[in-house]
Amino acid sequence: MRRAESAGAKASRSRAAWTLAVAVAGCVLHYWAWMLVGPLGPPLGNRYGLDQETWALLGIAPLVVGVLLRIPAGVLTDRFGARIMLPAVSTGSALAVLGLAVVDGLPALIVVACAIGVAGGAMPVGAAAVVRAVRPGRRGMALSVFAAGMCLAATAGVAARTLVHIDRERGVLVLAGALLAYGVLAAAVLRDGPAPKLHPPVAWSVATALLRRPVTRYLAVWYGVSSGGLVSLDLYLPGYLHRTYGVGETHALIGAAVGIGIGAAAGPFGGWLCRHRAPTAVLGTCFTALAGLLVILAFDPPLAWVTAPVLAGVAVALGTAYGSVLALIGRTAPPAQVGTIAGVIGAIGSAVGLFPTLLLTVVHDIDGSYTIGLVLLASTAIVGAASLRARRVWIGAAVAFPAPTALVLGPGSQAATTVVSLAGSQIRAYLGDVTAVLAALATRHELVIVYADPDPSGGTRLGFPLVAGLRQHLPAHKVLAVTAETPPHPHETAAIAEMIDAGTIPIILVACTDPTPTAVLLAAAVHADQVLHLTPDRIEGLIPHQRHPVTGFAAIDGAR
């Protein structure tokens, strides 16, 4: 039996590793195709007599189309699976790239440029493939590695510019052939994990509901700031080095590639940090460091001794933030909906991510320098960091997607009155994940939450954000936080019982280190069916290991 389990676990790890490798390779190829029109702008402009503004708009067309396609690509991935969607996106991208080699006439060129935007839809498809292949507890880290692959894809974009300048037709044919071969490889290697197939009306309603959730807004903005910064390194750093320091074009491109590579290496570090620190603290630190580094760059310091190390620091801050955001999506998004979630966040975030490049471009055109633009970007970063620091616990409670009830309780579970015990010292860094689990439980159970913290001020500080997070997940429920003695006084238990009868979700704040004795006593007093003790050992798994009436406990885990 153990040998069979070991063989099964080894096969699962092997499948996850292959899926991650295939997804990262696909990210590189599709980003290469997505950014292909921009480097071809000058030769295409000369061929068709286009002015600079027209071919610049032509280069933006595939970017806009790709951003718009991310949501439908994610929805269709949840419907049909990555094994079908990734080869489909790859084949469509290959045909569009081939069109560049045979296109004749400006109208056809516009159509082909827009069609190349299909390659931008690969991001949510690849993310869904990775999350469904990796077991709970490692999904966040796996998606941060996927984020590193997306940064390496930007490096491939730099290589694409060099290749098409050397031999345009051969470069286009090589890329199209690689995309077709990749589609065959993805169809052969990928195996979607078990996930319920959502019918189209349900899938689109999920996407619409996501747009209204605070977690979507937070993650989309963070995704936009971090990925937009990395894209700015790709698109803007070569010109910045050339205009400010007189660096040659080739060396400027190499410098951009090195910077993006450093950002890629920092992505998994961001995922690791999110397993050991509160995600809001990690992102706040990244944005604070980014603001300071941008202020230094605004004064045009010496290239070798100051600018180069500072640019490396900017890449580390952006890469760490980007890896943290992808890790948050990986560890909190339900596998059945991760395509839609990644598509929505990727689309909104990519639109937000255009802000740094546009701001630098506009300010440079007006002022002729980068100082004002960099200071404005630094100010934006410091405002974001200050907001995260001031409301880090409140935001942390909201940054998680609702977990499907069946994953939390197990299939076929019955509704019951449940007392959940939480230790503040254990869940402090995973408040958003725990809030999502509690919200899923509350959809099927009469829920009582006992939150323990030996420091009463700490209990209040985290207890009330837990209330706010649950209210955001459960707008139709009434959620109240109350303090109680240890053990609870009879009049306190009577008041809690009345809250339960009224349909309220009470959060009981107790000043102690172990909430279990209080939860068991309270469960007996209100005639609860079971007690669940949530810990961050496998927060992503959301599967109770053992559950018995009144005295059973569930370990929910994923942090290690």
Protein backbone atom coordinates (compact mmCIF):
# COMPACT_ATOMS: atom_id res chain seq x y z
CA MET A 1 0.00 0.00 0.00
CA ARG A 2 2.77 2.42 0.96
CA ARG A 3 4.65 1.59 -2.24
CA ALA A 4 1.50 2.29 -4.26
CA GLU A 5 0.97 5.59 -2.44
CA SER A 6 4.63 6.49 -2.94
CA ALA A 7 4.40 5.70 -6.65
CA GLY A 8 1.20 7.77 -6.91
CA ALA A 9 2.79 10.72 -5.10
CA LYS A 10 5.87 10.52 -7.31
CA ALA A 11 3.71 10.46 -10.45
CA SER A 12 1.76 13.47 -9.18
CA ARG A 13 4.94 15.44 -8.49
CA SER A 14 6.32 14.50 -11.91
CA ARG A 15 3.11 15.64 -13.62
CA ALA A 16 3.18 18.92 -11.69
CA ALA A 17 6.81 19.55 -12.66
CA TRP A 18 6.15 18.81 -16.33
CA THR A 19 3.05 21.01 -16.33
CA LEU A 20 4.95 23.90 -14.76
CA ALA A 21 7.80 23.53 -17.28
CA VAL A 22 5.39 23.41 -20.23
CA ALA A 23 3.42 26.42 -18.92
CA VAL A 24 6.58 28.49 -18.44
CA ALA A 25 7.86 27.57 -21.92
CA GLY A 26 4.50 28.54 -23.38
CA CYS A 27 4.61 31.85 -21.54
CA VAL A 28 7.95 32.69 -23.13
CA LEU A 29 6.82 31.79 -26.67
CA HIS A 30 3.47 33.55 -26.46
CA TYR A 31 4.94 36.73 -24.98
CA TRP A 32 7.52 36.71 -27.77
CA ALA A 33 4.70 36.54 -30.32
CA TRP A 34 2.60 39.11 -28.45
CA MET A 35 5.37 41.72 -28.57
CA LEU A 36 6.46 40.94 -32.13
CA VAL A 37 4.68 43.75 -33.98
CA GLY A 38 6.41 46.54 -32.05
CA PRO A 39 9.97 45.60 -33.14
CA LEU A 40 8.73 45.22 -36.72
CA GLY A 41 7.29 48.76 -36.66
CA PRO A 42 10.10 50.61 -38.50
CA PRO A 43 10.49 48.11 -41.39
CA LEU A 44 6.69 47.82 -41.71
CA GLY A 45 6.39 51.60 -41.64
CA ASN A 46 8.92 51.94 -44.44
CA ARG A 47 7.21 49.22 -46.45
CA TYR A 48 3.72 50.74 -46.24
CA GLY A 49 4.64 54.41 -45.89
CA LEU A 50 3.37 54.76 -42.29
CA ASP A 51 4.34 57.65 -40.07
CA GLN A 52 5.71 57.06 -36.55
CA GLU A 53 2.36 57.59 -34.78
CA THR A 54 0.56 55.11 -37.06
CA TRP A 55 2.99 52.26 -36.63
CA ALA A 56 3.13 52.95 -32.89
CA LEU A 57 -0.66 52.45 -32.77
CA LEU A 58 -0.18 49.31 -34.86
CA GLY A 59 2.21 47.96 -32.23
CA ILE A 60 -0.27 48.71 -29.43
CA ALA A 61 -3.16 46.89 -31.21
CA PRO A 62 -2.07 43.32 -30.27
CA LEU A 63 -1.48 44.43 -26.66
CA VAL A 64 -5.01 45.80 -26.32
CA VAL A 65 -6.57 42.74 -27.99
CA GLY A 66 -4.55 40.39 -25.77
CA VAL A 67 -5.68 42.17 -22.61
CA LEU A 68 -9.33 42.00 -23.71
CA LEU A 69 -9.05 38.29 -24.57
CA ARG A 70 -7.71 37.25 -21.17
CA ILE A 71 -11.13 37.11 -19.53
CA PRO A 72 -12.81 34.92 -22.20
CA ALA A 73 -9.66 32.77 -22.38
CA GLY A 74 -9.84 32.18 -18.62
CA VAL A 75 -13.57 31.43 -18.70
CA LEU A 76 -13.13 28.96 -21.56
CA THR A 77 -10.24 27.29 -19.72
CA ASP A 78 -12.49 26.64 -16.73
CA ARG A 79 -15.05 25.25 -19.16
CA PHE A 80 -12.90 23.08 -21.45
CA GLY A 81 -9.56 22.73 -19.66
CA ALA A 82 -6.01 23.91 -20.37
CA ARG A 83 -5.23 20.80 -22.42
CA ILE A 84 -7.61 22.06 -25.10
CA MET A 85 -7.23 25.82 -24.67
CA LEU A 86 -3.43 26.10 -24.59
CA PRO A 87 -2.92 24.29 -27.94
CA ALA A 88 -5.80 26.35 -29.36
CA VAL A 89 -4.19 29.64 -28.28
CA SER A 90 -0.80 28.44 -29.54
CA THR A 91 -2.17 27.44 -32.95
CA GLY A 92 -4.08 30.71 -33.35
CA SER A 93 -0.96 32.68 -32.42
CA ALA A 94 1.17 30.69 -34.89
CA LEU A 95 -1.23 31.36 -37.76
CA ALA A 96 -1.31 35.07 -36.91
CA VAL A 97 2.51 35.22 -36.81
CA LEU A 98 2.68 33.46 -40.18
CA GLY A 99 0.35 36.13 -41.49
CA LEU A 100 3.07 38.71 -40.92
CA ALA A 101 5.28 36.94 -43.45
CA VAL A 102 2.67 36.87 -46.23
CA VAL A 103 0.53 39.95 -45.53
CA ASP A 104 0.20 42.37 -48.43
CA GLY A 105 -1.55 45.67 -47.83
CA LEU A 106 -2.30 47.88 -44.86
CA PRO A 107 -5.85 46.59 -44.11
CA ALA A 108 -4.60 43.01 -43.96
CA LEU A 109 -1.69 44.13 -41.77
CA ILE A 110 -4.11 45.70 -39.27
CA VAL A 111 -6.15 42.47 -39.12
CA VAL A 112 -3.02 40.35 -38.59
CA ALA A 113 -1.69 42.71 -35.89
CA CYS A 114 -4.96 42.40 -33.98
CA ALA A 115 -4.99 38.61 -34.46
CA ILE A 116 -1.54 38.36 -32.87
CA GLY A 117 -3.21 39.61 -29.69
CA VAL A 118 -4.51 36.04 -29.26
CA ALA A 119 -1.10 35.23 -27.79
CA GLY A 120 -1.88 37.50 -24.82
CA GLY A 121 -4.60 35.08 -23.73
CA ALA A 122 -2.06 32.40 -22.79
CA MET A 123 -1.49 33.82 -19.28
CA PRO A 124 -4.74 32.65 -17.58
CA VAL A 125 -4.63 29.32 -19.42
CA GLY A 126 -1.10 28.58 -18.19
CA ALA A 127 -1.94 29.70 -14.64
CA ALA A 128 -4.96 27.38 -14.55
CA ALA A 129 -2.89 24.45 -15.80
CA VAL A 130 -0.29 24.99 -13.06
CA VAL A 131 -2.76 25.37 -10.18
CA ARG A 132 -4.73 22.27 -11.16
CA ALA A 133 -1.61 20.13 -11.53
CA VAL A 134 0.03 21.08 -8.22
CA ARG A 135 -1.22 19.68 -4.95
CA PRO A 136 -2.65 21.98 -2.25
CA GLY A 137 0.05 23.58 -0.14
CA ARG A 138 2.39 24.23 -3.07
CA ARG A 139 0.15 26.07 -5.50
CA GLY A 140 1.20 29.54 -4.37
CA MET A 141 4.91 28.75 -4.73
CA ALA A 142 4.30 27.07 -8.09
CA LEU A 143 2.50 30.13 -9.43
CA SER A 144 5.33 32.39 -8.24
CA VAL A 145 7.69 30.23 -10.32
CA PHE A 146 5.24 30.69 -13.18
CA ALA A 147 5.56 34.45 -12.53
CA ALA A 148 9.32 34.09 -12.95
CA GLY A 149 8.65 32.43 -16.30
CA MET A 150 6.50 35.38 -17.33
CA CYS A 151 9.40 37.71 -16.47
CA LEU A 152 11.72 35.54 -18.55
CA ALA A 153 9.15 35.92 -21.32
CA ALA A 154 9.84 39.65 -21.25
CA THR A 155 13.51 38.81 -21.72
CA ALA A 156 12.44 36.78 -24.75
CA GLY A 157 10.72 39.91 -26.01
CA VAL A 158 14.08 41.68 -25.94
CA ALA A 159 15.59 38.75 -27.85
CA ALA A 160 12.74 38.98 -30.36
CA ARG A 161 13.68 42.57 -31.14
CA THR A 162 17.26 41.55 -31.85
CA LEU A 163 16.24 38.54 -33.95
CA VAL A 164 13.78 40.37 -36.18
CA HIS A 165 16.32 43.10 -36.81
CA ILE A 166 18.77 40.44 -38.00
CA ASP A 167 16.40 38.47 -40.25
CA ARG A 168 12.72 39.41 -40.14
CA GLU A 169 11.25 36.66 -42.34
CA ARG A 170 13.32 33.85 -40.86
CA GLY A 171 12.60 35.04 -37.30
CA VAL A 172 8.84 35.08 -37.98
CA LEU A 173 8.93 31.57 -39.49
CA VAL A 174 11.00 30.19 -36.61
CA LEU A 175 8.58 31.61 -34.04
CA ALA A 176 5.51 30.31 -35.90
CA GLY A 177 7.04 26.84 -36.12
CA ALA A 178 7.93 26.89 -32.42
CA LEU A 179 4.35 27.85 -31.51
CA LEU A 180 2.89 25.01 -33.62
CA ALA A 181 5.31 22.51 -32.08
CA TYR A 182 4.46 23.81 -28.63
CA GLY A 183 0.74 23.27 -29.27
CA VAL A 184 1.43 19.59 -30.02
CA LEU A 185 3.61 19.29 -26.89
CA ALA A 186 0.97 20.91 -24.66
CA ALA A 187 -1.75 18.59 -25.96
CA ALA A 188 0.48 15.57 -25.27
CA VAL A 189 1.76 16.58 -21.81
CA LEU A 190 -1.01 18.53 -20.06
CA ARG A 191 -3.59 16.72 -17.98
CA ASP A 192 -6.19 18.90 -16.31
CA GLY A 193 -6.84 18.05 -12.68
CA PRO A 194 -10.37 17.20 -11.55
CA ALA A 195 -12.52 20.31 -11.63
CA PRO A 196 -16.24 20.81 -12.12
CA LYS A 197 -17.12 21.96 -15.63
CA LEU A 198 -19.03 25.22 -15.45
CA HIS A 199 -21.73 25.78 -18.04
CA PRO A 200 -21.29 29.07 -19.96
CA PRO A 201 -23.99 31.07 -18.12
CA VAL A 202 -22.54 30.00 -14.77
CA ALA A 203 -18.97 30.72 -15.92
CA TRP A 204 -19.81 34.23 -17.08
CA SER A 205 -21.73 34.94 -13.88
CA VAL A 206 -18.61 33.93 -11.92
CA ALA A 207 -16.53 36.40 -13.98
CA THR A 208 -19.08 39.15 -13.40
CA ALA A 209 -19.20 38.46 -9.66
CA LEU A 210 -15.39 38.60 -9.47
CA LEU A 211 -15.42 42.17 -10.76
CA ARG A 212 -17.41 43.24 -7.70
CA ARG A 213 -15.14 41.62 -5.10
CA PRO A 214 -12.59 43.74 -3.16
CA VAL A 215 -10.00 40.97 -3.53
CA THR A 216 -10.15 41.38 -7.31
CA ARG A 217 -9.55 45.12 -7.09
CA TYR A 218 -6.63 44.75 -4.69
CA LEU A 219 -4.90 41.98 -6.64
CA ALA A 220 -5.51 43.67 -9.99
CA VAL A 221 -3.88 46.91 -8.82
CA TRP A 222 -0.93 45.07 -7.26
CA TYR A 223 -0.60 42.94 -10.39
CA GLY A 224 -0.69 46.07 -12.54
CA VAL A 225 1.95 47.93 -10.51
CA SER A 226 4.37 44.99 -10.39
CA SER A 227 3.88 43.60 -13.90
CA GLY A 228 3.56 47.11 -15.36
CA GLY A 229 6.90 48.00 -13.81
CA LEU A 230 8.53 44.93 -15.31
CA VAL A 231 7.00 45.66 -18.71
CA SER A 232 8.38 49.21 -18.41
CA LEU A 233 11.84 47.71 -17.90
CA ASP A 234 11.30 45.78 -21.11
CA LEU A 235 9.86 48.60 -23.21
CA TYR A 236 11.36 51.75 -21.71
CA LEU A 237 14.69 50.92 -20.09
CA PRO A 238 16.67 50.65 -23.37
CA GLY A 239 15.53 54.13 -24.43
CA TYR A 240 16.18 55.52 -20.94
CA LEU A 241 19.74 54.21 -20.91
CA HIS A 242 20.37 55.47 -24.43
CA ARG A 243 18.98 58.99 -23.94
CA THR A 244 20.23 59.60 -20.39
CA TYR A 245 23.63 57.90 -20.47
CA GLY A 246 24.37 57.53 -24.18
CA VAL A 247 24.44 53.71 -24.01
CA GLY A 248 24.45 52.02 -27.42
CA GLU A 249 21.29 50.24 -28.59
CA THR A 250 22.67 46.71 -28.27
CA HIS A 251 24.12 47.30 -24.81
CA ALA A 252 20.89 49.00 -23.71
CA LEU A 253 18.91 45.94 -24.82
CA ILE A 254 21.32 43.68 -22.92
CA GLY A 255 20.91 45.87 -19.84
CA ALA A 256 17.10 45.58 -20.10
CA ALA A 257 17.36 41.80 -20.46
CA VAL A 258 19.61 41.55 -17.38
CA GLY A 259 17.23 43.71 -15.34
CA ILE A 260 14.23 41.59 -16.27
CA GLY A 261 16.22 38.43 -15.53
CA ILE A 262 16.92 39.75 -12.02
CA GLY A 263 13.20 40.42 -11.62
CA ALA A 264 12.47 36.86 -12.76
CA ALA A 265 14.82 35.43 -10.14
CA ALA A 266 13.04 37.47 -7.46
CA GLY A 267 9.60 36.03 -8.32
CA PRO A 268 9.96 32.72 -6.40
CA PHE A 269 11.48 34.70 -3.52
CA GLY A 270 8.23 36.66 -3.34
CA GLY A 271 6.27 33.41 -3.25
CA TRP A 272 8.49 32.10 -0.44
CA LEU A 273 8.06 35.30 1.56
CA CYS A 274 4.26 35.02 1.31
CA ARG A 275 4.45 31.64 3.03
CA HIS A 276 6.24 33.13 6.03
CA ARG A 277 5.01 36.73 6.22
CA ALA A 278 1.72 38.52 5.73
CA PRO A 279 1.34 39.27 2.00
CA THR A 280 0.37 42.89 2.70
CA ALA A 281 3.61 43.37 4.66
CA VAL A 282 5.66 41.89 1.81
CA LEU A 283 4.01 44.12 -0.80
CA GLY A 284 4.24 47.22 1.41
CA THR A 285 7.98 46.65 1.85
CA CYS A 286 8.44 46.18 -1.91
CA PHE A 287 6.57 49.39 -2.74
CA THR A 288 8.48 51.37 -0.09
CA ALA A 289 11.82 50.17 -1.44
CA LEU A 290 10.66 50.89 -4.99
CA ALA A 291 9.74 54.49 -4.09
CA GLY A 292 13.16 55.17 -2.58
CA LEU A 293 15.01 53.68 -5.54
CA LEU A 294 12.97 55.66 -8.08
CA VAL A 295 13.77 58.91 -6.25
CA ILE A 296 17.48 58.10 -6.57
CA LEU A 297 17.09 57.47 -10.33
CA ALA A 298 15.28 60.80 -10.75
CA PHE A 299 18.55 62.68 -10.13
CA ASP A 300 20.49 60.91 -12.94
CA PRO A 301 23.25 59.45 -10.72
CA PRO A 302 26.46 57.95 -12.21
CA LEU A 303 25.68 54.88 -14.30
CA ALA A 304 28.25 52.35 -13.14
CA TRP A 305 28.34 52.96 -9.38
CA VAL A 306 24.77 54.05 -8.62
CA THR A 307 22.30 53.63 -11.47
CA ALA A 308 23.14 50.00 -12.30
CA PRO A 309 22.77 48.74 -8.67
CA VAL A 310 19.64 50.87 -8.19
CA LEU A 311 18.06 49.44 -11.36
CA ALA A 312 18.87 45.96 -10.07
CA GLY A 313 17.11 46.87 -6.80
CA VAL A 314 14.08 48.11 -8.75
CA ALA A 315 13.96 44.78 -10.60
CA VAL A 316 14.17 42.84 -7.31
CA ALA A 317 11.37 44.90 -5.73
CA LEU A 318 9.09 44.51 -8.77
CA GLY A 319 9.87 40.80 -9.21
CA THR A 320 9.27 40.08 -5.52
CA ALA A 321 5.95 41.94 -5.61
CA TYR A 322 4.91 40.17 -8.81
CA GLY A 323 5.77 36.75 -7.39
CA SER A 324 3.83 37.59 -4.21
CA VAL A 325 0.70 38.54 -6.16
CA LEU A 326 0.80 35.36 -8.26
CA ALA A 327 1.42 33.31 -5.11
CA LEU A 328 -1.68 34.86 -3.51
CA ILE A 329 -3.77 33.91 -6.54
CA GLY A 330 -2.36 30.38 -6.54
CA ARG A 331 -2.99 29.67 -2.88
CA THR A 332 -6.47 31.23 -2.57
CA ALA A 333 -8.13 30.72 -5.98
CA PRO A 334 -10.37 27.62 -6.21
CA PRO A 335 -8.93 25.35 -8.96
CA ALA A 336 -12.28 25.19 -10.75
CA GLN A 337 -12.31 28.98 -11.16
CA VAL A 338 -8.63 29.87 -11.37
CA GLY A 339 -8.73 30.46 -15.14
CA THR A 340 -11.48 33.04 -14.78
CA ILE A 341 -9.81 34.63 -11.75
CA ALA A 342 -6.41 34.88 -13.48
CA GLY A 343 -8.09 36.21 -16.63
CA VAL A 344 -9.99 38.95 -14.82
CA ILE A 345 -7.01 40.03 -12.71
CA GLY A 346 -4.65 39.78 -15.68
CA ALA A 347 -6.91 41.92 -17.87
CA ILE A 348 -7.52 44.65 -15.30
CA GLY A 349 -3.95 44.53 -14.03
CA SER A 350 -2.47 44.78 -17.52
CA ALA A 351 -4.59 47.86 -18.19
CA VAL A 352 -3.34 49.40 -14.91
CA GLY A 353 0.19 48.34 -15.84
CA LEU A 354 0.22 50.66 -18.84
CA PHE A 355 0.26 53.64 -16.46
CA PRO A 356 4.04 53.73 -15.68
CA THR A 357 5.09 53.58 -19.34
CA LEU A 358 2.48 56.12 -20.47
CA LEU A 359 3.36 58.50 -17.62
CA LEU A 360 7.09 58.40 -18.39
CA THR A 361 6.41 58.87 -22.11
CA VAL A 362 4.07 61.85 -21.68
CA VAL A 363 6.24 63.62 -19.11
CA HIS A 364 9.39 63.07 -21.17
CA ASP A 365 7.69 64.49 -24.28
CA ILE A 366 6.64 67.60 -22.31
CA ASP A 367 9.67 68.19 -20.11
CA GLY A 368 12.46 66.46 -22.02
CA SER A 369 13.68 64.57 -18.91
CA TYR A 370 12.67 61.65 -16.73
CA THR A 371 12.97 63.42 -13.35
CA ILE A 372 9.35 64.49 -12.93
CA GLY A 373 7.98 61.17 -14.21
CA LEU A 374 10.16 59.13 -11.84
CA VAL A 375 9.23 61.34 -8.88
CA LEU A 376 5.53 60.92 -9.70
CA LEU A 377 5.94 57.15 -9.90
CA ALA A 378 7.83 57.17 -6.58
CA SER A 379 5.01 59.20 -5.01
CA THR A 380 2.46 56.69 -6.28
CA ALA A 381 4.47 53.81 -4.83
CA ILE A 382 4.84 55.45 -1.42
CA VAL A 383 1.11 56.23 -1.27
CA GLY A 384 0.37 52.58 -2.02
CA ALA A 385 2.86 51.42 0.63
CA ALA A 386 1.38 53.80 3.22
CA SER A 387 -2.13 52.55 2.45
CA LEU A 388 -1.01 48.94 2.84
CA ARG A 389 0.69 49.71 6.14
CA ALA A 390 -2.23 51.67 7.57
CA ARG A 391 -4.85 49.06 6.59
CA ARG A 392 -2.68 45.95 6.27
CA VAL A 393 -4.79 43.76 8.56
CA TRP A 394 -8.11 44.92 7.11
CA ILE A 395 -6.90 44.42 3.55
CA GLY A 396 -5.31 41.10 4.49
CA ALA A 397 -8.69 39.80 5.68
CA ALA A 398 -10.24 40.59 2.29
CA VAL A 399 -7.48 39.22 0.03
CA ALA A 400 -8.81 35.73 -0.64
CA PHE A 401 -11.39 34.20 -2.92
CA PRO A 402 -14.38 32.30 -1.51
CA ALA A 403 -13.60 28.61 -1.20
CA PRO A 404 -16.20 26.15 -2.55
CA THR A 405 -18.04 24.58 0.37
CA ALA A 406 -17.42 21.04 -0.87
CA LEU A 407 -13.66 21.59 -0.65
CA VAL A 408 -13.89 22.80 2.94
CA LEU A 409 -16.34 20.27 4.28
CA GLY A 410 -15.87 17.37 1.91
CA PRO A 411 -18.45 16.07 -0.55
CA GLY A 412 -21.81 15.02 0.87
CA SER A 413 -21.33 16.92 4.12
CA GLN A 414 -24.44 17.88 6.06
CA ALA A 415 -25.35 21.27 7.44
CA ALA A 416 -24.61 21.61 11.15
CA THR A 417 -23.99 24.06 13.98
CA THR A 418 -20.21 24.44 14.06
CA VAL A 419 -17.83 26.16 16.46
CA VAL A 420 -14.50 27.13 14.87
CA SER A 421 -11.47 27.90 17.01
CA LEU A 422 -8.67 30.13 15.74
CA ALA A 423 -5.36 30.99 17.41
CA GLY A 424 -4.22 34.51 16.53
CA SER A 425 -0.53 33.63 16.63
CA GLN A 426 -1.09 30.91 14.00
CA ILE A 427 -3.30 32.70 11.48
CA ARG A 428 -1.92 36.24 11.64
CA ALA A 429 -0.11 35.93 8.28
CA TYR A 430 -2.99 33.99 6.67
CA LEU A 431 -5.98 36.07 7.66
CA GLY A 432 -7.35 36.34 4.13
CA ASP A 433 -7.09 32.59 3.52
CA VAL A 434 -8.79 31.78 6.83
CA THR A 435 -11.54 34.32 6.12
CA ALA A 436 -12.31 32.59 2.80
CA VAL A 437 -12.56 29.20 4.55
CA LEU A 438 -14.87 30.59 7.22
CA ALA A 439 -17.07 32.21 4.57
CA ALA A 440 -17.41 28.86 2.81
CA LEU A 441 -18.35 27.15 6.09
CA ALA A 442 -20.93 29.84 6.84
CA THR A 443 -22.80 29.11 3.61
CA ARG A 444 -23.76 25.67 4.95
CA HIS A 445 -23.38 25.89 8.72
CA GLU A 446 -24.59 27.90 11.67
CA LEU A 447 -21.18 29.23 12.57
CA VAL A 448 -19.58 30.43 15.81
CA ILE A 449 -15.94 31.57 15.70
CA VAL A 450 -13.72 31.63 18.79
CA TYR A 451 -10.65 33.79 18.22
CA ALA A 452 -7.88 33.65 20.86
CA ASP A 453 -5.06 36.11 21.39
CA PRO A 454 -3.19 36.56 24.70
CA ASP A 455 -2.95 40.29 24.00
CA PRO A 456 -6.46 41.78 24.17
CA SER A 457 -5.42 44.67 21.90
CA GLY A 458 -4.08 42.13 19.38
CA GLY A 459 -7.35 40.22 19.51
CA THR A 460 -9.29 43.40 18.87
CA ARG A 461 -6.92 44.44 16.11
CA LEU A 462 -7.38 41.17 14.19
CA GLY A 463 -10.90 40.32 15.32
CA PHE A 464 -12.57 43.34 13.77
CA PRO A 465 -10.80 42.97 10.39
CA LEU A 466 -11.98 39.35 10.43
CA VAL A 467 -15.51 40.72 10.80
CA ALA A 468 -14.93 43.10 7.89
CA GLY A 469 -13.52 40.32 5.71
CA LEU A 470 -16.47 38.02 6.41
CA ARG A 471 -18.93 40.82 5.67
CA GLN A 472 -17.29 41.35 2.29
CA HIS A 473 -17.54 37.64 1.50
CA LEU A 474 -21.03 37.28 2.99
CA PRO A 475 -22.96 40.52 2.39
CA ALA A 476 -26.28 38.84 3.23
CA HIS A 477 -25.09 37.67 6.69
CA LYS A 478 -24.86 39.63 9.93
CA VAL A 479 -21.41 39.25 11.54
CA LEU A 480 -20.65 40.59 15.05
CA ALA A 481 -17.55 40.51 17.26
CA VAL A 482 -18.00 40.19 21.04
CA THR A 483 -15.58 39.62 23.91
CA ALA A 484 -15.97 36.76 26.38
CA GLU A 485 -14.30 35.42 29.51
CA THR A 486 -12.40 32.14 29.65
CA PRO A 487 -14.37 30.01 30.38
CA PRO A 488 -17.47 31.81 29.05
CA HIS A 489 -19.97 33.01 31.67
CA PRO A 490 -23.50 31.51 31.39
CA HIS A 491 -25.01 34.87 30.43
CA GLU A 492 -22.40 35.15 27.65
CA THR A 493 -23.24 31.72 26.25
CA ALA A 494 -26.96 32.57 26.43
CA ALA A 495 -26.35 35.74 24.41
CA ILE A 496 -24.29 33.79 21.86
CA ALA A 497 -27.08 31.22 21.52
CA GLU A 498 -29.55 34.03 20.82
CA MET A 499 -27.23 35.38 18.11
CA ILE A 500 -27.11 31.95 16.47
CA ASP A 501 -30.90 31.64 16.57
CA ALA A 502 -31.16 35.08 14.94
CA GLY A 503 -28.89 33.99 12.07
CA THR A 504 -25.90 36.05 13.20
CA ILE A 505 -22.30 34.82 12.90
CA PRO A 506 -20.68 35.68 16.26
CA ILE A 507 -16.89 36.08 16.55
CA ILE A 508 -15.92 35.51 20.18
CA LEU A 509 -12.70 37.30 21.20
CA VAL A 510 -10.94 35.66 24.15
CA ALA A 511 -7.65 36.67 25.81
CA CYS A 512 -5.72 33.37 25.84
CA THR A 513 -3.27 31.39 23.72
CA ASP A 514 -5.32 28.23 23.11
CA PRO A 515 -8.92 28.70 21.93
CA THR A 516 -9.75 24.98 21.97
CA PRO A 517 -10.99 24.60 25.61
CA THR A 518 -13.21 27.67 25.26
CA ALA A 519 -14.54 26.43 21.91
CA VAL A 520 -15.38 22.97 23.32
CA LEU A 521 -17.16 24.45 26.38
CA LEU A 522 -19.05 26.88 24.18
CA ALA A 523 -20.03 24.10 21.77
CA ALA A 524 -21.50 22.08 24.61
CA ALA A 525 -23.39 25.10 25.94
CA VAL A 526 -25.02 25.97 22.59
CA HIS A 527 -25.50 22.28 21.59
CA ALA A 528 -23.23 22.52 18.56
CA ASP A 529 -22.69 19.51 16.32
CA GLN A 530 -18.95 19.88 15.94
CA VAL A 531 -15.84 21.90 16.72
CA LEU A 532 -13.28 22.65 14.01
CA HIS A 533 -9.81 23.94 14.83
CA LEU A 534 -8.26 25.74 11.86
CA THR A 535 -4.48 25.99 11.62
CA PRO A 536 -2.25 27.26 8.81
CA ASP A 537 -0.60 23.87 8.30
CA ARG A 538 -2.46 23.32 5.04
CA ILE A 539 -4.50 26.42 4.53
CA GLU A 540 -4.76 25.84 0.78
CA GLY A 541 -5.99 22.28 1.04
CA LEU A 542 -9.23 23.21 2.81
CA ILE A 543 -9.86 19.54 3.57
CA PRO A 544 -10.56 18.53 7.18
CA HIS A 545 -8.45 15.53 8.07
CA GLN A 546 -10.75 14.33 10.78
CA ARG A 547 -14.07 15.51 12.07
CA HIS A 548 -16.13 14.15 14.96
CA PRO A 549 -19.21 15.69 16.59
CA VAL A 550 -18.37 18.30 19.23
CA THR A 551 -14.82 17.10 19.97
CA GLY A 552 -13.39 16.59 16.46
CA PHE A 553 -10.92 18.99 14.87
CA ALA A 554 -10.03 19.86 11.30
CA ALA A 555 -6.53 20.91 10.30
CA ILE A 556 -6.61 23.19 7.32
CA ASP A 557 -3.23 23.80 5.94
CA GLY A 558 -0.94 25.06 3.21
CA ALA A 559 1.48 27.47 4.69
CA ARG A 560 4.48 25.19 4.95
